[in-house]
Amino acid sequence: MVFDLKKIAQQVCDLSKSTAEFIRHEVDKLGTSDIEIKGLNNFVTYVDKMSEIKLIKGLTDILPGTGFIAEESPALEVKDLNWVIDPLDGTTNFIHGVPVYSISIALMERKEIILGVILEINQEECFYTWEGAPSFLNGQPIHVSETPLLSDSLLATGFPYYDYSRLDAYLNVFRYMMKNTHGIRRLGSAAADLAYVACGRFDGFYEYGLSPWDVAAGAILVKNAGGNVSDFNSGNNYIFGKEMIATNSKIKTEFIDVFKDQFRSS
């Protein structure tokens, strides 16, 4: 199928910005009774749900007939062309008043991500790209960092919050990275982490226990900004495989070798 992906990306950015206005408007209204528990340390609010409804309607208007892979609406139909959406990535931050949370939207044609948009809500930063294009931040092209060595890099990660089956391997990697980099940051939004890798603020990112809506948009942003994305074994199973590494092109091999060593039997 042939689409004007540049036009669609702009429409998705506009939709994300209007949805972000709703999210910002609800920050001070949220009460304890508005927080639902979906699972261990996994929360949802009416803000997540209403944001997803707004996004689904808007995206359907942009491209009628598409399917959806959406965090809060698992019963939606999946088709050959699907929107992969997280209406509020960083819900735990949101409910605690920590101002780091994002809207993440990707367009997937069969198994390929062909468009990605991440809006970091509080910074009002819209990261976007599409197949065959550079990655952009608020209209300006962005690129991953040129940091040549892991020892000179600043990394981002997400802590496991429900799946502790690989915790020992994860902590071994964490220990190594603490000792052999400039440091590790934990923002609480995988979408924001990946956007920051794409624009060079972070040199690398890693996490397991991820869902497609956490990483789909960020994956194409990093790749189109000159970076590399893989699973922990340098393979391509990072959208549905629940694990991801994203780096600039120069530290990729050194970075992945740490994971191959620690996660090979986990």
C-alpha atoms as a PDB file:
ATOM      1  CA  MET A   1       0.000   0.000   0.000  1.00  0.00           C
ATOM      2  CA  VAL A   2       1.184   3.527  -0.791  1.00  0.00           C
ATOM      3  CA  PHE A   3       0.731   6.290   1.779  1.00  0.00           C
ATOM      4  CA  ASP A   4       1.822   9.883   2.143  1.00  0.00           C
ATOM      5  CA  LEU A   5       3.710   9.056   5.305  1.00  0.00           C
ATOM      6  CA  LYS A   6       5.091  12.548   5.747  1.00  0.00           C
ATOM      7  CA  LYS A   7       1.567  13.991   5.815  1.00  0.00           C
ATOM      8  CA  ILE A   8       0.347  11.224   8.120  1.00  0.00           C
ATOM      9  CA  ALA A   9       3.261  11.825  10.513  1.00  0.00           C
ATOM     10  CA  GLN A  10       2.311  15.492  10.797  1.00  0.00           C
ATOM     11  CA  GLN A  11      -1.330  14.582  11.397  1.00  0.00           C
ATOM     12  CA  VAL A  12      -0.288  12.140  14.129  1.00  0.00           C
ATOM     13  CA  CYS A  13       1.892  14.807  15.743  1.00  0.00           C
ATOM     14  CA  ASP A  14      -1.078  17.195  15.771  1.00  0.00           C
ATOM     15  CA  LEU A  15      -3.329  14.512  17.244  1.00  0.00           C
ATOM     16  CA  SER A  16      -0.738  13.721  19.919  1.00  0.00           C
ATOM     17  CA  LYS A  17      -0.469  17.392  20.868  1.00  0.00           C
ATOM     18  CA  SER A  18      -4.227  17.788  21.250  1.00  0.00           C
ATOM     19  CA  THR A  19      -4.383  14.611  23.356  1.00  0.00           C
ATOM     20  CA  ALA A  20      -1.494  15.883  25.476  1.00  0.00           C
ATOM     21  CA  GLU A  21      -3.523  18.992  26.273  1.00  0.00           C
ATOM     22  CA  PHE A  22      -6.200  16.766  27.782  1.00  0.00           C
ATOM     23  CA  ILE A  23      -3.603  14.823  29.794  1.00  0.00           C
ATOM     24  CA  ARG A  24      -2.031  17.997  31.176  1.00  0.00           C
ATOM     25  CA  HIS A  25      -5.473  19.337  32.073  1.00  0.00           C
ATOM     26  CA  GLU A  26      -6.193  16.252  34.202  1.00  0.00           C
ATOM     27  CA  VAL A  27      -2.958  16.183  36.216  1.00  0.00           C
ATOM     28  CA  ASP A  28      -4.314  18.056  39.234  1.00  0.00           C
ATOM     29  CA  LYS A  29      -7.694  16.289  39.143  1.00  0.00           C
ATOM     30  CA  LEU A  30      -6.384  12.762  39.644  1.00  0.00           C
ATOM     31  CA  GLY A  31      -7.265  11.140  42.960  1.00  0.00           C
ATOM     32  CA  THR A  32      -6.403   7.860  44.609  1.00  0.00           C
ATOM     33  CA  SER A  33      -9.803   6.435  43.674  1.00  0.00           C
ATOM     34  CA  ASP A  34      -8.999   7.051  39.980  1.00  0.00           C
ATOM     35  CA  ILE A  35      -6.076   4.606  39.998  1.00  0.00           C
ATOM     36  CA  GLU A  36      -6.749   1.001  39.009  1.00  0.00           C
ATOM     37  CA  ILE A  37      -4.303  -1.866  39.446  1.00  0.00           C
ATOM     38  CA  LYS A  38      -3.919  -4.082  36.367  1.00  0.00           C
ATOM     39  CA  GLY A  39      -1.158  -6.234  37.855  1.00  0.00           C
ATOM     40  CA  LEU A  40       1.917  -6.054  40.044  1.00  0.00           C
ATOM     41  CA  ASN A  41       3.093  -2.417  39.940  1.00  0.00           C
ATOM     42  CA  ASN A  42       1.035  -1.916  36.772  1.00  0.00           C
ATOM     43  CA  PHE A  43      -1.467   0.935  36.981  1.00  0.00           C
ATOM     44  CA  VAL A  44      -4.091   2.586  34.792  1.00  0.00           C
ATOM     45  CA  THR A  45      -6.256   5.670  35.208  1.00  0.00           C
ATOM     46  CA  TYR A  46      -9.241   7.180  33.420  1.00  0.00           C
ATOM     47  CA  VAL A  47      -6.695   9.519  31.806  1.00  0.00           C
ATOM     48  CA  ASP A  48      -4.977   6.577  30.070  1.00  0.00           C
ATOM     49  CA  LYS A  49      -8.336   5.230  28.921  1.00  0.00           C
ATOM     50  CA  MET A  50      -9.746   8.525  27.700  1.00  0.00           C
ATOM     51  CA  SER A  51      -6.491   9.368  25.936  1.00  0.00           C
ATOM     52  CA  GLU A  52      -6.576   6.047  24.120  1.00  0.00           C
ATOM     53  CA  ILE A  53     -10.177   6.629  23.036  1.00  0.00           C
ATOM     54  CA  LYS A  54      -9.185  10.029  21.645  1.00  0.00           C
ATOM     55  CA  LEU A  55      -6.191   8.552  19.826  1.00  0.00           C
ATOM     56  CA  ILE A  56      -8.132   5.631  18.354  1.00  0.00           C
ATOM     57  CA  LYS A  57     -10.807   7.950  17.004  1.00  0.00           C
ATOM     58  CA  GLY A  58      -8.276  10.380  15.585  1.00  0.00           C
ATOM     59  CA  LEU A  59      -6.096   7.691  14.027  1.00  0.00           C
ATOM     60  CA  THR A  60      -9.126   6.018  12.468  1.00  0.00           C
ATOM     61  CA  ASP A  61     -10.027   9.345  10.892  1.00  0.00           C
ATOM     62  CA  ILE A  62      -6.487   9.689   9.531  1.00  0.00           C
ATOM     63  CA  LEU A  63      -6.363   6.137   8.109  1.00  0.00           C
ATOM     64  CA  PRO A  64      -9.772   4.424   8.050  1.00  0.00           C
ATOM     65  CA  GLY A  65      -9.816   0.647   8.227  1.00  0.00           C
ATOM     66  CA  THR A  66      -6.648   0.177  10.242  1.00  0.00           C
ATOM     67  CA  GLY A  67      -6.279  -2.227  13.155  1.00  0.00           C
ATOM     68  CA  PHE A  68      -4.902  -1.438  16.586  1.00  0.00           C
ATOM     69  CA  ILE A  69      -2.416  -2.904  19.022  1.00  0.00           C
ATOM     70  CA  ALA A  70      -3.203  -0.784  22.054  1.00  0.00           C
ATOM     71  CA  GLU A  71      -2.310  -1.047  25.726  1.00  0.00           C
ATOM     72  CA  GLU A  72      -5.736  -0.362  27.197  1.00  0.00           C
ATOM     73  CA  SER A  73      -7.867  -1.970  24.457  1.00  0.00           C
ATOM     74  CA  PRO A  74      -6.655  -5.561  23.945  1.00  0.00           C
ATOM     75  CA  ALA A  75      -9.908  -6.637  22.272  1.00  0.00           C
ATOM     76  CA  LEU A  76      -9.426  -4.383  19.237  1.00  0.00           C
ATOM     77  CA  GLU A  77      -9.000  -6.084  15.861  1.00  0.00           C
ATOM     78  CA  VAL A  78      -5.477  -6.583  14.514  1.00  0.00           C
ATOM     79  CA  LYS A  79      -5.061  -6.299  10.731  1.00  0.00           C
ATOM     80  CA  ASP A  80      -2.252  -6.105   8.163  1.00  0.00           C
ATOM     81  CA  LEU A  81      -1.951  -2.381   8.893  1.00  0.00           C
ATOM     82  CA  ASN A  82      -2.017  -1.500  12.591  1.00  0.00           C
ATOM     83  CA  TRP A  83      -1.513   1.453  14.856  1.00  0.00           C
ATOM     84  CA  VAL A  84       0.575   0.500  17.904  1.00  0.00           C
ATOM     85  CA  ILE A  85      -0.225   2.976  20.647  1.00  0.00           C
ATOM     86  CA  ASP A  86       0.541   3.795  24.243  1.00  0.00           C
ATOM     87  CA  PRO A  87      -1.699   6.678  25.309  1.00  0.00           C
ATOM     88  CA  LEU A  88       0.358   7.441  28.417  1.00  0.00           C
ATOM     89  CA  ASP A  89       3.760   5.800  28.706  1.00  0.00           C
ATOM     90  CA  GLY A  90       4.896   6.518  32.231  1.00  0.00           C
ATOM     91  CA  THR A  91       1.611   6.159  34.114  1.00  0.00           C
ATOM     92  CA  THR A  92       3.419   5.564  37.419  1.00  0.00           C
ATOM     93  CA  ASN A  93       5.251   8.865  36.961  1.00  0.00           C
ATOM     94  CA  PHE A  94       1.958  10.531  36.079  1.00  0.00           C
ATOM     95  CA  ILE A  95       0.105   9.382  39.194  1.00  0.00           C
ATOM     96  CA  HIS A  96       3.015  10.418  41.430  1.00  0.00           C
ATOM     97  CA  GLY A  97       3.423  13.829  39.820  1.00  0.00           C
ATOM     98  CA  VAL A  98       6.795  13.080  38.231  1.00  0.00           C
ATOM     99  CA  PRO A  99       6.752  15.083  34.964  1.00  0.00           C
ATOM    100  CA  VAL A 100       8.132  12.468  32.562  1.00  0.00           C
ATOM    101  CA  TYR A 101       5.489  10.705  30.478  1.00  0.00           C
ATOM    102  CA  SER A 102       4.817  10.324  26.801  1.00  0.00           C
ATOM    103  CA  ILE A 103       2.404   9.428  24.045  1.00  0.00           C
ATOM    104  CA  SER A 104       3.821   6.774  21.725  1.00  0.00           C
ATOM    105  CA  ILE A 105       2.286   5.929  18.338  1.00  0.00           C
ATOM    106  CA  ALA A 106       3.652   3.717  15.571  1.00  0.00           C
ATOM    107  CA  LEU A 107       2.203   2.500  12.297  1.00  0.00           C
ATOM    108  CA  MET A 108       3.028  -1.114  11.480  1.00  0.00           C
ATOM    109  CA  GLU A 109       2.517  -2.688   8.051  1.00  0.00           C
ATOM    110  CA  ARG A 110       2.541  -6.427   8.711  1.00  0.00           C
ATOM    111  CA  LYS A 111       5.812  -6.856  10.653  1.00  0.00           C
ATOM    112  CA  GLU A 112       7.488  -3.592   9.659  1.00  0.00           C
ATOM    113  CA  ILE A 113       7.228  -0.289  11.520  1.00  0.00           C
ATOM    114  CA  ILE A 114       6.771   2.413   8.871  1.00  0.00           C
ATOM    115  CA  LEU A 115       6.069   5.479  11.037  1.00  0.00           C
ATOM    116  CA  GLY A 116       6.718   6.551  14.596  1.00  0.00           C
ATOM    117  CA  VAL A 117       5.736   9.501  16.780  1.00  0.00           C
ATOM    118  CA  ILE A 118       6.648  10.106  20.415  1.00  0.00           C
ATOM    119  CA  LEU A 119       5.409  13.192  22.214  1.00  0.00           C
ATOM    120  CA  GLU A 120       7.171  13.949  25.489  1.00  0.00           C
ATOM    121  CA  ILE A 121       4.254  15.743  27.080  1.00  0.00           C
ATOM    122  CA  ASN A 122       5.811  18.018  29.670  1.00  0.00           C
ATOM    123  CA  GLN A 123       8.709  19.148  27.486  1.00  0.00           C
ATOM    124  CA  GLU A 124       6.342  19.573  24.511  1.00  0.00           C
ATOM    125  CA  GLU A 125       8.840  17.725  22.332  1.00  0.00           C
ATOM    126  CA  CYS A 126       7.463  15.834  19.347  1.00  0.00           C
ATOM    127  CA  PHE A 127       9.810  13.220  17.899  1.00  0.00           C
ATOM    128  CA  TYR A 128       8.711  11.712  14.594  1.00  0.00           C
ATOM    129  CA  THR A 129       9.858   9.811  11.531  1.00  0.00           C
ATOM    130  CA  TRP A 130       8.604   7.596   8.751  1.00  0.00           C
ATOM    131  CA  GLU A 131       9.991   4.975   6.402  1.00  0.00           C
ATOM    132  CA  GLY A 132      12.855   6.371   4.325  1.00  0.00           C
ATOM    133  CA  ALA A 133      13.062   9.657   6.244  1.00  0.00           C
ATOM    134  CA  PRO A 134      15.372  11.089   8.907  1.00  0.00           C
ATOM    135  CA  SER A 135      14.104  11.425  12.442  1.00  0.00           C
ATOM    136  CA  PHE A 136      12.937  14.835  13.608  1.00  0.00           C
ATOM    137  CA  LEU A 137      12.369  16.740  16.840  1.00  0.00           C
ATOM    138  CA  ASN A 138       9.939  19.643  16.522  1.00  0.00           C
ATOM    139  CA  GLY A 139      10.797  19.987  12.842  1.00  0.00           C
ATOM    140  CA  GLN A 140      14.577  19.708  13.146  1.00  0.00           C
ATOM    141  CA  PRO A 141      16.528  16.608  12.029  1.00  0.00           C
ATOM    142  CA  ILE A 142      18.116  14.617  14.835  1.00  0.00           C
ATOM    143  CA  HIS A 143      20.869  12.001  14.987  1.00  0.00           C
ATOM    144  CA  VAL A 144      22.171   9.545  17.530  1.00  0.00           C
ATOM    145  CA  SER A 145      25.346  10.439  19.388  1.00  0.00           C
ATOM    146  CA  GLU A 146      28.874   9.925  18.101  1.00  0.00           C
ATOM    147  CA  THR A 147      30.196   8.613  21.421  1.00  0.00           C
ATOM    148  CA  PRO A 148      32.833   6.036  20.415  1.00  0.00           C
ATOM    149  CA  LEU A 149      33.238   3.949  23.567  1.00  0.00           C
ATOM    150  CA  LEU A 150      30.956   2.430  26.173  1.00  0.00           C
ATOM    151  CA  SER A 151      33.193   3.943  28.848  1.00  0.00           C
ATOM    152  CA  ASP A 152      32.291   7.423  27.584  1.00  0.00           C
ATOM    153  CA  SER A 153      28.549   6.792  27.297  1.00  0.00           C
ATOM    154  CA  LEU A 154      25.465   7.791  29.276  1.00  0.00           C
ATOM    155  CA  LEU A 155      22.797   5.093  29.313  1.00  0.00           C
ATOM    156  CA  ALA A 156      19.117   4.704  30.121  1.00  0.00           C
ATOM    157  CA  THR A 157      17.262   1.679  31.429  1.00  0.00           C
ATOM    158  CA  GLY A 158      13.962   0.632  32.910  1.00  0.00           C
ATOM    159  CA  PHE A 159      13.818  -1.436  36.068  1.00  0.00           C
ATOM    160  CA  PRO A 160      11.840  -4.683  35.980  1.00  0.00           C
ATOM    161  CA  TYR A 161       8.582  -4.104  37.834  1.00  0.00           C
ATOM    162  CA  TYR A 162       6.702  -7.401  37.496  1.00  0.00           C
ATOM    163  CA  ASP A 163       8.906 -10.017  35.787  1.00  0.00           C
ATOM    164  CA  TYR A 164      11.776 -10.811  38.126  1.00  0.00           C
ATOM    165  CA  SER A 165      12.758 -14.104  36.463  1.00  0.00           C
ATOM    166  CA  ARG A 166      15.833 -12.528  34.855  1.00  0.00           C
ATOM    167  CA  LEU A 167      16.678 -10.179  37.670  1.00  0.00           C
ATOM    168  CA  ASP A 168      20.096 -11.645  38.472  1.00  0.00           C
ATOM    169  CA  ALA A 169      21.291 -11.232  34.892  1.00  0.00           C
ATOM    170  CA  TYR A 170      19.786  -7.740  34.745  1.00  0.00           C
ATOM    171  CA  LEU A 171      21.543  -6.692  37.950  1.00  0.00           C
ATOM    172  CA  ASN A 172      24.842  -8.102  36.678  1.00  0.00           C
ATOM    173  CA  VAL A 173      24.510  -5.921  33.583  1.00  0.00           C
ATOM    174  CA  PHE A 174      23.512  -2.965  35.748  1.00  0.00           C
ATOM    175  CA  ARG A 175      26.586  -3.471  37.929  1.00  0.00           C
ATOM    176  CA  TYR A 176      28.858  -3.647  34.887  1.00  0.00           C
ATOM    177  CA  MET A 177      27.338  -0.541  33.328  1.00  0.00           C
ATOM    178  CA  MET A 178      27.629   1.379  36.611  1.00  0.00           C
ATOM    179  CA  LYS A 179      31.352   0.690  36.688  1.00  0.00           C
ATOM    180  CA  ASN A 180      32.103   1.128  32.993  1.00  0.00           C
ATOM    181  CA  THR A 181      30.050   4.118  31.755  1.00  0.00           C
ATOM    182  CA  HIS A 182      29.385   7.728  32.689  1.00  0.00           C
ATOM    183  CA  GLY A 183      26.192   6.574  34.393  1.00  0.00           C
ATOM    184  CA  ILE A 184      22.690   5.158  34.047  1.00  0.00           C
ATOM    185  CA  ARG A 185      19.411   7.058  34.111  1.00  0.00           C
ATOM    186  CA  ARG A 186      15.898   5.728  34.723  1.00  0.00           C
ATOM    187  CA  LEU A 187      13.244   8.132  33.420  1.00  0.00           C
ATOM    188  CA  GLY A 188      10.249   5.813  33.827  1.00  0.00           C
ATOM    189  CA  SER A 189       9.110   6.020  30.194  1.00  0.00           C
ATOM    190  CA  ALA A 190      10.683   3.688  27.654  1.00  0.00           C
ATOM    191  CA  ALA A 191       9.308   5.860  24.861  1.00  0.00           C
ATOM    192  CA  ALA A 192      11.129   8.911  26.236  1.00  0.00           C
ATOM    193  CA  ASP A 193      14.296   6.850  26.725  1.00  0.00           C
ATOM    194  CA  LEU A 194      14.279   5.798  23.077  1.00  0.00           C
ATOM    195  CA  ALA A 195      13.506   9.306  21.848  1.00  0.00           C
ATOM    196  CA  TYR A 196      16.488  10.545  23.846  1.00  0.00           C
ATOM    197  CA  VAL A 197      18.726   7.907  22.261  1.00  0.00           C
ATOM    198  CA  ALA A 198      17.493   9.035  18.836  1.00  0.00           C
ATOM    199  CA  CYS A 199      18.495  12.657  19.501  1.00  0.00           C
ATOM    200  CA  GLY A 200      21.814  11.814  21.183  1.00  0.00           C
ATOM    201  CA  ARG A 201      21.018  12.668  24.793  1.00  0.00           C
ATOM    202  CA  PHE A 202      21.560   9.030  25.737  1.00  0.00           C
ATOM    203  CA  ASP A 203      24.077   6.811  23.975  1.00  0.00           C
ATOM    204  CA  GLY A 204      22.220   3.583  24.712  1.00  0.00           C
ATOM    205  CA  PHE A 205      19.122   2.038  26.282  1.00  0.00           C
ATOM    206  CA  TYR A 206      18.220  -1.440  27.494  1.00  0.00           C
ATOM    207  CA  GLU A 207      15.260  -3.056  29.211  1.00  0.00           C
ATOM    208  CA  TYR A 208      13.299  -6.301  29.392  1.00  0.00           C
ATOM    209  CA  GLY A 209       9.631  -6.887  30.176  1.00  0.00           C
ATOM    210  CA  LEU A 210       8.588  -4.493  27.415  1.00  0.00           C
ATOM    211  CA  SER A 211       5.415  -4.466  25.315  1.00  0.00           C
ATOM    212  CA  PRO A 212       5.074  -3.500  21.631  1.00  0.00           C
ATOM    213  CA  TRP A 213       3.437  -0.155  22.454  1.00  0.00           C
ATOM    214  CA  ASP A 214       6.416   0.750  24.669  1.00  0.00           C
ATOM    215  CA  VAL A 215       8.990   0.439  21.901  1.00  0.00           C
ATOM    216  CA  ALA A 216       7.501   0.388  18.386  1.00  0.00           C
ATOM    217  CA  ALA A 217       7.686   4.134  17.740  1.00  0.00           C
ATOM    218  CA  GLY A 218      11.033   4.472  19.480  1.00  0.00           C
ATOM    219  CA  ALA A 219      12.576   1.680  17.435  1.00  0.00           C
ATOM    220  CA  ILE A 220      12.066   3.401  14.097  1.00  0.00           C
ATOM    221  CA  LEU A 221      13.083   6.755  15.572  1.00  0.00           C
ATOM    222  CA  VAL A 222      16.441   5.340  16.679  1.00  0.00           C
ATOM    223  CA  LYS A 223      17.062   3.487  13.418  1.00  0.00           C
ATOM    224  CA  ASN A 224      16.188   6.474  11.227  1.00  0.00           C
ATOM    225  CA  ALA A 225      18.437   8.644  13.377  1.00  0.00           C
ATOM    226  CA  GLY A 226      21.400   6.402  12.537  1.00  0.00           C
ATOM    227  CA  GLY A 227      21.248   4.074  15.525  1.00  0.00           C
ATOM    228  CA  ASN A 228      20.871   0.356  16.066  1.00  0.00           C
ATOM    229  CA  VAL A 229      18.047  -1.618  17.664  1.00  0.00           C
ATOM    230  CA  SER A 230      18.056  -5.301  18.588  1.00  0.00           C
ATOM    231  CA  ASP A 231      17.078  -7.857  21.177  1.00  0.00           C
ATOM    232  CA  PHE A 232      19.620  -8.968  23.772  1.00  0.00           C
ATOM    233  CA  ASN A 233      21.173 -11.459  21.325  1.00  0.00           C
ATOM    234  CA  SER A 234      21.580  -8.886  18.510  1.00  0.00           C
ATOM    235  CA  GLY A 235      18.526 -10.338  16.738  1.00  0.00           C
ATOM    236  CA  ASN A 236      15.378  -8.658  15.450  1.00  0.00           C
ATOM    237  CA  ASN A 237      12.859  -9.890  18.017  1.00  0.00           C
ATOM    238  CA  TYR A 238      12.533  -6.595  19.862  1.00  0.00           C
ATOM    239  CA  ILE A 239       8.959  -5.469  19.119  1.00  0.00           C
ATOM    240  CA  PHE A 240       7.193  -8.556  20.468  1.00  0.00           C
ATOM    241  CA  GLY A 241      10.141 -10.234  22.207  1.00  0.00           C
ATOM    242  CA  LYS A 242       9.854  -8.168  25.424  1.00  0.00           C
ATOM    243  CA  GLU A 243      13.475  -6.988  25.380  1.00  0.00           C
ATOM    244  CA  MET A 244      15.387  -4.263  23.593  1.00  0.00           C
ATOM    245  CA  ILE A 245      18.797  -2.717  23.190  1.00  0.00           C
ATOM    246  CA  ALA A 246      19.109   0.622  21.367  1.00  0.00           C
ATOM    247  CA  THR A 247      22.462   2.319  20.818  1.00  0.00           C
ATOM    248  CA  ASN A 248      24.392   4.608  18.583  1.00  0.00           C
ATOM    249  CA  SER A 249      26.312   2.783  15.859  1.00  0.00           C
ATOM    250  CA  LYS A 250      29.711   3.024  17.533  1.00  0.00           C
ATOM    251  CA  ILE A 251      29.120   1.341  20.894  1.00  0.00           C
ATOM    252  CA  LYS A 252      26.745  -1.311  19.525  1.00  0.00           C
ATOM    253  CA  THR A 253      29.125  -4.299  19.518  1.00  0.00           C
ATOM    254  CA  GLU A 254      30.683  -3.523  22.890  1.00  0.00           C
ATOM    255  CA  PHE A 255      27.236  -2.968  24.389  1.00  0.00           C
ATOM    256  CA  ILE A 256      25.650  -6.160  23.055  1.00  0.00           C
ATOM    257  CA  ASP A 257      28.613  -8.299  24.139  1.00  0.00           C
ATOM    258  CA  VAL A 258      27.763  -7.487  27.768  1.00  0.00           C
ATOM    259  CA  PHE A 259      24.222  -8.838  27.285  1.00  0.00           C
ATOM    260  CA  LYS A 260      25.285 -11.945  25.398  1.00  0.00           C
ATOM    261  CA  ASP A 261      27.530 -12.816  28.289  1.00  0.00           C
ATOM    262  CA  GLN A 262      24.954 -12.252  31.048  1.00  0.00           C
ATOM    263  CA  PHE A 263      21.671 -13.289  29.409  1.00  0.00           C
ATOM    264  CA  ARG A 264      22.758 -16.343  27.413  1.00  0.00           C
ATOM    265  CA  SER A 265      21.362 -18.776  29.984  1.00  0.00           C
ATOM    266  CA  SER A 266      18.737 -16.605  31.671  1.00  0.00           C
END
